[in-house]
Protein backbone atom coordinates (compact mmCIF):
# COMPACT_ATOMS: atom_id res chain seq x y z
CA MET A 1 -1.54 4.97 11.38
CA ARG A 2 1.40 5.08 8.84
CA ARG A 3 3.75 7.59 10.53
CA LEU A 4 4.66 11.28 8.62
CA LEU A 5 7.96 11.46 7.11
CA ALA A 6 8.72 14.73 8.77
CA VAL A 7 10.81 14.73 11.38
CA PRO A 8 10.40 18.18 13.76
CA THR A 9 14.46 18.81 13.71
CA ALA A 10 14.25 21.29 16.57
CA VAL A 11 12.80 18.64 18.62
CA ALA A 12 15.14 16.40 17.97
CA VAL A 13 18.34 18.78 18.53
CA ALA A 14 16.67 19.64 22.06
CA SER A 15 15.73 15.83 22.90
CA ALA A 16 19.39 15.03 21.85
CA ALA A 17 20.76 17.66 24.34
CA MET A 18 18.57 16.88 27.38
CA LEU A 19 19.23 13.11 26.70
CA ALA A 20 23.12 13.58 26.58
CA VAL A 21 23.25 15.90 29.66
CA GLY A 22 21.09 12.77 31.51
CA ALA A 23 22.71 10.48 30.43
CA ARG A 24 26.14 11.81 31.81
CA ALA A 25 24.53 13.91 34.46
CA GLY A 26 22.20 10.82 35.95
CA ASP A 27 24.86 8.31 36.57
CA ALA A 28 25.85 7.92 39.61
CA PRO A 29 29.55 9.23 40.49
CA SER A 30 30.28 5.33 42.00
CA SER A 31 29.58 3.55 39.17
CA PRO A 32 30.61 6.01 35.95
CA ARG A 33 28.90 4.66 32.84
CA PRO A 34 30.01 6.19 29.00
CA PHE A 35 27.93 8.39 27.12
CA ASP A 36 26.28 5.91 24.70
CA ARG A 37 25.42 7.64 21.59
CA VAL A 38 23.45 4.29 20.30
CA ARG A 39 21.14 4.31 23.50
CA VAL A 40 20.33 7.78 23.08
CA ARG A 41 19.44 8.01 19.61
CA GLN A 42 17.08 4.92 20.23
CA ALA A 43 15.24 6.87 22.78
CA ILE A 44 15.04 9.92 21.01
CA LEU A 45 13.77 8.36 18.07
CA SER A 46 11.19 6.58 20.17
CA ARG A 47 10.08 9.95 21.48
CA LEU A 48 9.45 11.21 18.12
CA ASP A 49 8.19 8.19 16.85
CA ALA A 50 5.51 8.60 19.59
CA LYS A 51 4.87 12.16 18.58
CA ILE A 52 4.85 12.22 15.18
CA ASP A 53 2.38 9.49 15.65
CA ALA A 54 0.36 11.34 17.89
CA ASP A 55 0.82 14.49 15.47
CA ALA A 56 -0.41 12.38 12.59
CA ALA A 57 -3.44 11.08 14.59
CA ARG A 58 -4.46 14.34 15.51
CA ALA A 59 -4.18 15.72 11.78
CA HIS A 60 -6.07 12.76 10.19
CA LEU A 61 -9.06 13.75 12.81
CA ASP A 62 -9.00 16.81 12.06
CA ALA A 63 -8.98 16.69 8.17
CA ARG A 64 -12.01 14.04 8.94
CA VAL A 65 -13.89 16.93 10.61
CA VAL A 66 -12.77 19.46 7.73
CA LEU A 67 -14.17 16.74 4.79
CA ASP A 68 -17.33 16.06 7.23
CA GLU A 69 -18.26 19.53 7.30
CA ALA A 70 -17.17 20.48 3.16
CA MET A 71 -18.06 17.50 1.96
CA PRO A 72 -21.01 15.34 3.72
CA LEU A 73 -21.91 12.24 3.00
CA PRO A 74 -25.53 11.59 2.18
CA TYR A 75 -26.76 8.66 4.59
CA LEU A 76 -29.83 6.44 4.51
CA GLY A 77 -29.10 4.30 7.63
CA VAL A 78 -29.52 0.63 6.70
CA ASP A 79 -27.20 -2.78 6.20
CA ALA A 80 -28.64 -4.86 3.73
CA ASP A 81 -27.90 -7.67 1.43
CA PRO A 82 -29.54 -8.72 -2.14
CA VAL A 83 -31.99 -10.88 -2.25
CA ALA A 84 -32.66 -12.21 -5.77
CA ALA A 85 -36.25 -12.35 -7.05
CA SER A 86 -38.19 -15.91 -6.87
CA GLY A 87 -41.29 -16.59 -7.50
CA ALA A 88 -43.78 -13.78 -6.92
CA ALA A 89 -41.29 -12.46 -4.54
CA GLN A 90 -39.43 -9.25 -5.69
CA GLY A 91 -35.38 -8.81 -5.56
CA GLY A 92 -34.00 -5.85 -4.55
CA MET A 93 -31.54 -5.06 -0.78
CA LYS A 94 -32.93 -7.21 2.10
CA ILE A 95 -32.81 -4.29 5.36
CA THR A 96 -31.10 -6.26 8.08
CA LYS A 97 -30.15 -3.29 10.63
CA VAL A 98 -32.11 0.43 10.24
CA TYR A 99 -29.84 2.87 12.73
CA PRO A 100 -31.66 5.25 15.02
CA ALA A 101 -32.50 8.88 13.95
CA THR A 102 -31.90 8.45 10.43
CA GLY A 103 -33.73 8.58 6.73
CA ALA A 104 -34.62 5.05 6.98
CA GLU A 105 -36.22 5.22 10.29
CA ALA A 106 -37.93 8.32 8.97
CA ALA A 107 -39.29 6.43 6.09
CA GLY A 108 -40.47 3.64 8.20
CA LEU A 109 -37.98 0.66 7.33
CA ARG A 110 -37.46 -2.33 9.22
CA GLU A 111 -35.40 -5.13 9.37
CA GLY A 112 -36.70 -7.96 6.94
CA ASP A 113 -38.32 -5.34 4.70
CA VAL A 114 -37.11 -5.32 0.87
CA LEU A 115 -35.70 -2.40 -0.56
CA VAL A 116 -36.27 -2.29 -4.14
CA ALA A 117 -36.28 1.22 -5.61
CA VAL A 118 -34.85 4.49 -4.30
CA SER A 119 -36.33 7.79 -6.08
CA GLY A 120 -37.12 5.53 -9.13
CA ARG A 121 -33.65 3.32 -9.36
CA PRO A 122 -34.02 0.28 -8.86
CA THR A 123 -31.59 -1.23 -5.67
CA THR A 124 -30.69 -4.78 -6.38
CA ASP A 125 -27.38 -4.77 -5.25
CA PRO A 126 -24.98 -2.92 -3.01
CA VAL A 127 -22.99 -0.93 -5.64
CA SER A 128 -27.18 0.32 -6.70
CA LEU A 129 -28.33 0.93 -3.55
CA GLY A 130 -25.20 3.23 -2.90
CA LEU A 131 -25.35 4.97 -6.04
CA ALA A 132 -28.65 5.57 -5.42
CA ILE A 133 -28.21 7.14 -2.14
CA ARG A 134 -24.87 9.38 -3.29
CA SER A 135 -26.52 10.85 -6.61
CA HIS A 136 -28.47 12.96 -3.62
CA GLU A 137 -27.12 15.55 -1.83
CA VAL A 138 -27.38 15.76 2.41
CA GLY A 139 -31.29 17.15 2.88
CA ASP A 140 -33.03 15.57 -0.02
CA VAL A 141 -36.39 14.19 0.33
CA LEU A 142 -36.03 10.41 -1.78
CA SER A 143 -38.96 7.93 -2.12
CA PHE A 144 -38.38 4.38 -1.04
CA VAL A 145 -40.48 1.83 -2.95
CA TYR A 146 -40.03 -1.79 -0.66
CA VAL A 147 -41.88 -4.94 0.39
CA ARG A 148 -42.90 -6.27 3.53
CA ALA A 149 -44.58 -9.38 4.69
CA GLY A 150 -45.81 -9.33 0.76
CA ALA A 151 -47.12 -5.70 0.55
CA THR A 152 -45.52 -3.35 -1.18
CA ILE A 153 -45.05 -0.09 0.76
CA GLU A 154 -44.35 3.43 -0.94
CA ALA A 155 -42.62 6.21 1.57
CA THR A 156 -40.62 9.31 1.54
CA ALA A 157 -38.08 10.81 3.87
CA PRO A 158 -35.21 13.18 3.45
CA LEU A 159 -31.67 11.93 3.68
CA GLY A 160 -29.39 12.77 6.74
CA ARG A 161 -25.77 13.27 7.01
CA ARG A 162 -23.57 10.15 7.38
CA PRO A 163 -22.08 10.24 11.35
CA GLU A 164 -18.74 10.60 11.98
CA GLU A 165 -17.14 7.37 11.54
CA ASP A 166 -13.55 6.01 12.55
CA GLU A 167 -13.65 2.84 10.36
CA ASP A 168 -11.33 2.14 7.17
CA GLU A 169 -13.07 3.94 4.33
CA GLU A 170 -12.10 0.92 2.02
CA GLU A 171 -13.70 -1.43 4.35
CA GLN A 172 -16.89 0.97 4.66
CA PHE A 173 -17.87 1.29 0.83
CA ALA A 174 -15.46 -1.86 -0.21
CA ALA A 175 -18.61 -2.78 -2.43
CA VAL A 176 -19.86 0.32 -3.39
CA LEU A 177 -17.04 2.77 -4.44
CA PRO A 178 -14.19 1.51 -6.50
CA SER A 179 -11.04 1.67 -4.52
CA GLY A 180 -9.03 4.00 -7.43
CA GLU A 181 -6.60 1.71 -8.61
CA PRO A 182 -7.26 -0.09 -11.73
CA ALA A 183 -8.29 -3.67 -11.58
CA PRO A 184 -5.59 -6.22 -11.60
CA SER A 185 -4.31 -6.61 -15.10
CA PRO A 186 -4.61 -10.22 -16.42
CA THR A 187 -1.63 -9.52 -18.66
CA PRO A 188 2.05 -10.14 -17.98
CA PHE A 189 4.51 -7.58 -18.24
CA SER A 190 7.67 -8.47 -20.06
CA LEU A 191 10.45 -6.29 -20.09
CA ALA A 192 12.79 -7.38 -23.59
CA LEU A 193 15.27 -4.35 -24.90
CA THR A 194 17.41 -4.10 -27.50
CA PRO A 195 20.12 -1.70 -28.10
CA ALA A 196 17.27 0.21 -30.08
CA ALA A 197 16.10 1.28 -26.62
CA ARG A 198 19.36 2.85 -25.59
CA ASP A 199 17.46 6.97 -26.16
CA VAL A 200 14.33 5.74 -25.22
CA PRO A 201 12.35 7.51 -22.39
CA LEU A 202 11.81 5.27 -19.43
CA GLY A 203 7.81 5.66 -19.99
CA THR A 204 8.05 4.55 -23.19
CA LEU A 205 9.42 0.74 -21.97
CA GLY A 206 7.01 0.81 -19.22
CA LEU A 207 8.14 1.53 -16.61
CA GLU A 208 8.07 5.05 -14.29
CA ALA A 209 10.95 6.15 -12.22
CA LEU A 210 10.45 6.83 -8.54
CA LEU A 211 12.94 7.60 -5.52
CA GLY A 212 11.91 6.19 -1.69
CA GLY A 213 14.00 8.18 0.76
CA HIS A 214 15.96 11.12 -0.09
CA GLY A 215 18.86 12.31 -1.93
CA ARG A 216 19.24 12.76 -5.85
CA PRO A 217 16.03 11.14 -8.29
CA PRO A 218 16.98 7.96 -9.92
CA ALA A 219 18.64 7.82 -13.31
CA PHE A 220 17.92 5.11 -15.38
CA ARG A 221 18.77 4.46 -18.84
CA VAL A 222 19.18 1.46 -21.18
CA GLU A 223 23.03 0.18 -21.72
CA SER A 224 23.68 -2.11 -24.59
CA GLU A 225 26.83 -4.23 -25.76
CA GLY A 226 26.71 -5.92 -29.03
CA THR A 227 23.11 -7.42 -29.17
CA HIS A 228 22.54 -7.41 -25.67
CA ALA A 229 20.71 -4.79 -23.83
CA TRP A 230 19.82 -3.82 -20.13
CA LEU A 231 18.42 -1.45 -17.85
CA ARG A 232 20.90 0.45 -15.29
CA GLN A 233 20.52 2.82 -12.24
CA THR A 234 23.75 5.16 -13.17
CA ASP A 235 23.31 7.93 -10.31
CA ASP A 236 26.13 6.88 -7.71
CA ASP A 237 24.83 9.17 -5.15
CA PRO A 238 25.77 7.91 -1.59
CA THR A 239 22.86 9.17 0.19
CA GLY A 240 22.46 6.35 2.79
CA ILE A 241 18.13 6.41 3.09
CA ARG A 242 17.69 6.67 -0.86
CA PHE A 243 16.09 3.99 -3.09
CA PRO A 244 15.81 4.48 -6.58
CA MET A 245 13.31 2.37 -8.15
CA ALA A 246 11.39 1.91 -11.78
CA TRP A 247 8.34 0.50 -11.72
CA VAL A 248 5.85 -1.35 -14.24
CA THR A 249 3.34 1.29 -15.32
CA ALA A 250 0.45 -0.52 -16.36
CA LEU A 251 0.22 -3.76 -14.14
CA ARG A 252 -1.81 -3.80 -10.79
CA ALA A 253 -1.21 -7.45 -9.35
CA PRO A 254 -1.20 -8.19 -5.53
CA ASP A 255 -0.62 -11.83 -6.21
CA VAL A 256 2.17 -12.17 -8.71
CA SER A 257 5.11 -14.20 -9.69
CA ALA A 258 8.34 -12.17 -10.61
CA THR A 259 11.86 -12.36 -12.07
CA VAL A 260 14.35 -10.16 -13.32
CA ARG A 261 18.11 -10.75 -13.76
CA ILE A 262 20.43 -8.54 -11.57
CA ARG A 263 23.85 -7.39 -11.98
CA LEU A 264 25.32 -5.00 -9.14
CA VAL A 265 28.12 -3.31 -11.20
CA GLY A 266 29.31 -0.83 -8.48
CA GLY A 267 28.81 1.17 -5.35
CA ARG A 268 31.34 1.98 -2.13
CA GLN A 269 27.77 2.26 0.41
CA ASP A 270 26.01 -0.31 -0.86
CA ARG A 271 26.03 -2.95 -3.97
CA ALA A 272 22.30 -3.83 -4.08
CA GLY A 273 19.34 -4.62 -6.28
CA GLY A 274 15.75 -5.91 -5.94
CA LEU A 275 12.32 -6.60 -7.03
CA VAL A 276 9.46 -4.75 -5.37
CA VAL A 277 5.85 -6.74 -5.27
CA ARG A 278 2.84 -4.85 -4.08
CA GLY A 279 3.91 -1.44 -4.04
CA GLU A 280 1.51 1.05 -2.99
CA ASN A 281 3.72 4.56 -3.26
CA ALA A 282 7.37 5.05 -3.19
CA HIS A 283 7.21 5.02 0.85
CA THR A 284 5.04 1.69 0.91
CA TYR A 285 5.96 -1.30 -0.41
CA LEU A 286 7.92 -5.11 -0.57
CA VAL A 287 10.84 -5.67 -1.84
CA ALA A 288 13.08 -8.82 -1.92
CA ARG A 289 16.65 -7.54 -2.58
CA VAL A 290 20.44 -8.98 -2.52
CA ASN A 291 23.32 -6.71 -1.09
CA ALA A 292 26.93 -7.66 -2.34
CA VAL A 293 27.92 -5.79 0.67
CA GLU A 294 26.01 -7.41 3.38
CA GLY A 295 26.36 -10.72 1.75
CA ASP A 296 22.58 -11.40 2.02
CA LEU A 297 18.92 -11.90 0.60
CA ARG A 298 16.02 -10.34 2.94
CA ILE A 299 12.54 -9.42 2.09
CA PHE A 300 11.81 -6.02 3.62
CA ARG A 301 8.52 -4.23 4.34
CA VAL A 302 8.51 -0.68 3.61
CA ALA A 303 5.88 1.30 5.31
CA GLY A 304 5.38 4.65 5.49
CA GLY A 305 9.27 5.07 4.74
CA LEU A 306 10.34 2.76 7.91
CA ARG A 307 12.09 -0.03 6.73
CA ARG A 308 11.89 -3.78 8.74
CA THR A 309 13.09 -6.99 7.39
CA LEU A 310 10.25 -9.52 7.46
CA PRO A 311 10.97 -11.78 10.51
CA GLY A 312 12.95 -15.03 9.02
CA ALA A 313 13.08 -13.61 5.45
CA ARG A 314 17.03 -13.54 5.65
CA ALA A 315 19.65 -15.88 4.14
CA ARG A 316 23.56 -15.08 3.40
CA VAL A 317 24.30 -15.60 0.05
CA ASP A 318 28.04 -15.86 -1.48
CA GLY A 319 29.53 -14.64 -4.53
CA LEU A 320 27.36 -11.79 -5.53
CA GLY A 321 30.48 -10.33 -7.90
CA ASP A 322 29.82 -8.84 -11.27
CA GLY A 323 27.96 -11.41 -12.60
CA TRP A 324 24.48 -11.68 -13.53
CA HIS A 325 22.04 -13.37 -11.22
CA VAL A 326 18.49 -14.49 -11.37
CA LEU A 327 16.01 -13.26 -8.62
CA GLU A 328 12.74 -14.56 -8.05
CA VAL A 329 9.74 -13.19 -6.28
CA VAL A 330 6.29 -15.15 -5.93
CA ALA A 331 3.80 -12.95 -3.42
CA ARG A 332 0.49 -14.75 -3.22
CA GLY A 333 -1.72 -14.58 -0.11
CA PRO A 334 0.08 -13.80 3.07
CA GLU A 335 3.28 -15.52 1.97
CA ILE A 336 6.19 -13.52 0.42
CA ARG A 337 9.09 -15.59 -1.28
CA ALA A 338 12.27 -15.15 -2.92
CA ARG A 339 15.06 -17.26 -4.14
CA LEU A 340 18.18 -16.24 -5.80
CA ASP A 341 19.68 -18.38 -8.68
CA GLY A 342 17.54 -21.30 -8.10
CA GLY A 343 18.49 -21.59 -4.15
CA GLU A 344 16.91 -22.35 -1.05
CA ALA A 345 13.74 -19.59 -0.75
CA VAL A 346 13.51 -17.11 1.75
CA VAL A 347 9.94 -16.91 3.22
CA GLY A 348 8.41 -14.31 4.77
CA TYR A 349 4.58 -13.20 5.71
CA ASP A 350 2.96 -10.11 5.32
CA THR A 351 -0.87 -8.77 5.38
CA TYR A 352 -0.21 -4.74 5.72
CA VAL A 353 1.15 -3.78 2.21
CA ARG A 354 -1.99 -3.86 -0.33
CA GLY A 355 -0.63 -2.27 -3.12
CA GLY A 356 -0.08 -4.34 -6.71
CA ARG A 357 2.87 -2.35 -8.28
CA VAL A 358 5.65 -4.52 -9.17
CA GLY A 359 9.44 -2.76 -10.15
CA VAL A 360 13.03 -2.96 -9.50
CA TRP A 361 14.92 -1.26 -6.79
CA THR A 362 18.20 -0.09 -5.82
CA LYS A 363 19.54 1.50 -2.84
CA SER A 364 22.42 4.36 -2.06
CA ASP A 365 25.31 4.49 -4.30
CA SER A 366 24.65 1.23 -5.84
CA VAL A 367 24.83 1.30 -9.79
CA THR A 368 23.11 -1.82 -10.75
CA ASP A 369 21.80 -3.54 -14.04
CA PHE A 370 18.86 -5.18 -14.64
CA GLU A 371 17.64 -7.36 -17.65
CA GLY A 372 14.33 -9.45 -18.49
CA LEU A 373 12.39 -7.96 -15.69
CA GLU A 374 9.19 -10.57 -16.25
CA ALA A 375 5.87 -10.73 -13.95
CA THR A 376 2.88 -12.48 -14.21
CA PRO A 377 -0.42 -12.16 -12.29
CA LEU A 378 -1.56 -15.02 -10.26
CA PRO A 379 -5.18 -15.81 -9.33
CA PRO A 380 -6.15 -15.25 -5.43
CA GLN A 381 -5.63 -17.65 -2.98
CA ALA A 382 -8.63 -19.68 -2.23
CA PRO A 383 -9.49 -19.36 1.50
CA SER A 384 -9.38 -21.93 3.42
CA SER A 385 -12.22 -23.66 5.18
CA ARG A 386 -12.42 -24.36 9.06
């Protein structure tokens, strides 16, 4: 369950007061211990995280109940696999399981039957079967044509309501429902800027501004000197949890190779820049970033607004001055690999973040330049055999 971003301030203040008193009064007089704000903060955050998770889980269940009442899904009640026509055998969907108290059971369907049509619609694959069911409402009486032991049988039965499920919707309907995200784009993206683009809106460049965290919104604009042009994030709001980003609008590629030239121009709190891959939204993505204040290259997972370094995906880097640096990221399968200026790669692994957006990233008051952003979709990694 991905955590909600809102934190109940009153609960935080009350918990802080309670823990602060406990930290002082609970210590034995003979062995006094100084009040440790870090320990108290960690205890408060742990309690708040648990409460937020519980509230989010309850809110999700309540929403599912409302959805099931307001928009029930028609349900046949079978598992089935496609079978091709062969000789005298008719193609269709072979029933592998019939669930009890469903329209399928009422229609007399059994395991091994081949369902060939629903109310006149041929059912040759999961998509056609799903559409044949979802084009009707709960309670509609449907006709079924199926084959059993070479004999064609016709029957009718009403559609029931899909029972309450706790499984992932994407898993339940992966072969039936589109995800809502555009299919992975086979076309690479390349941002080649000229001085003529100085007054061009970001959207015209094929980019979209997003803000992770909070604070002032991003302020990206094209800067130039002579014939040279680049994209700069100019707003120096020092809010700590502030991540101005510009993501490619059209590209959707979970497996991708991306590069960009970065120049860390300014910032007192941070001087950072990075490349986002597998972006889902402004609060869930992977990012490889360099930070001159911290002097390192890291790969972060940001999930529901919580940012964590992927295990082992950190390396010290020196010389992050005002010059240009080349950052490369390759995301393929579970492996995320990042490299700065052709040096040794840092590698992390993640299977949780599943988006396909690509873009550039900054932090807090960083004034950062980006040039030559390129992103090339990669073919999916073939699964290994055992």
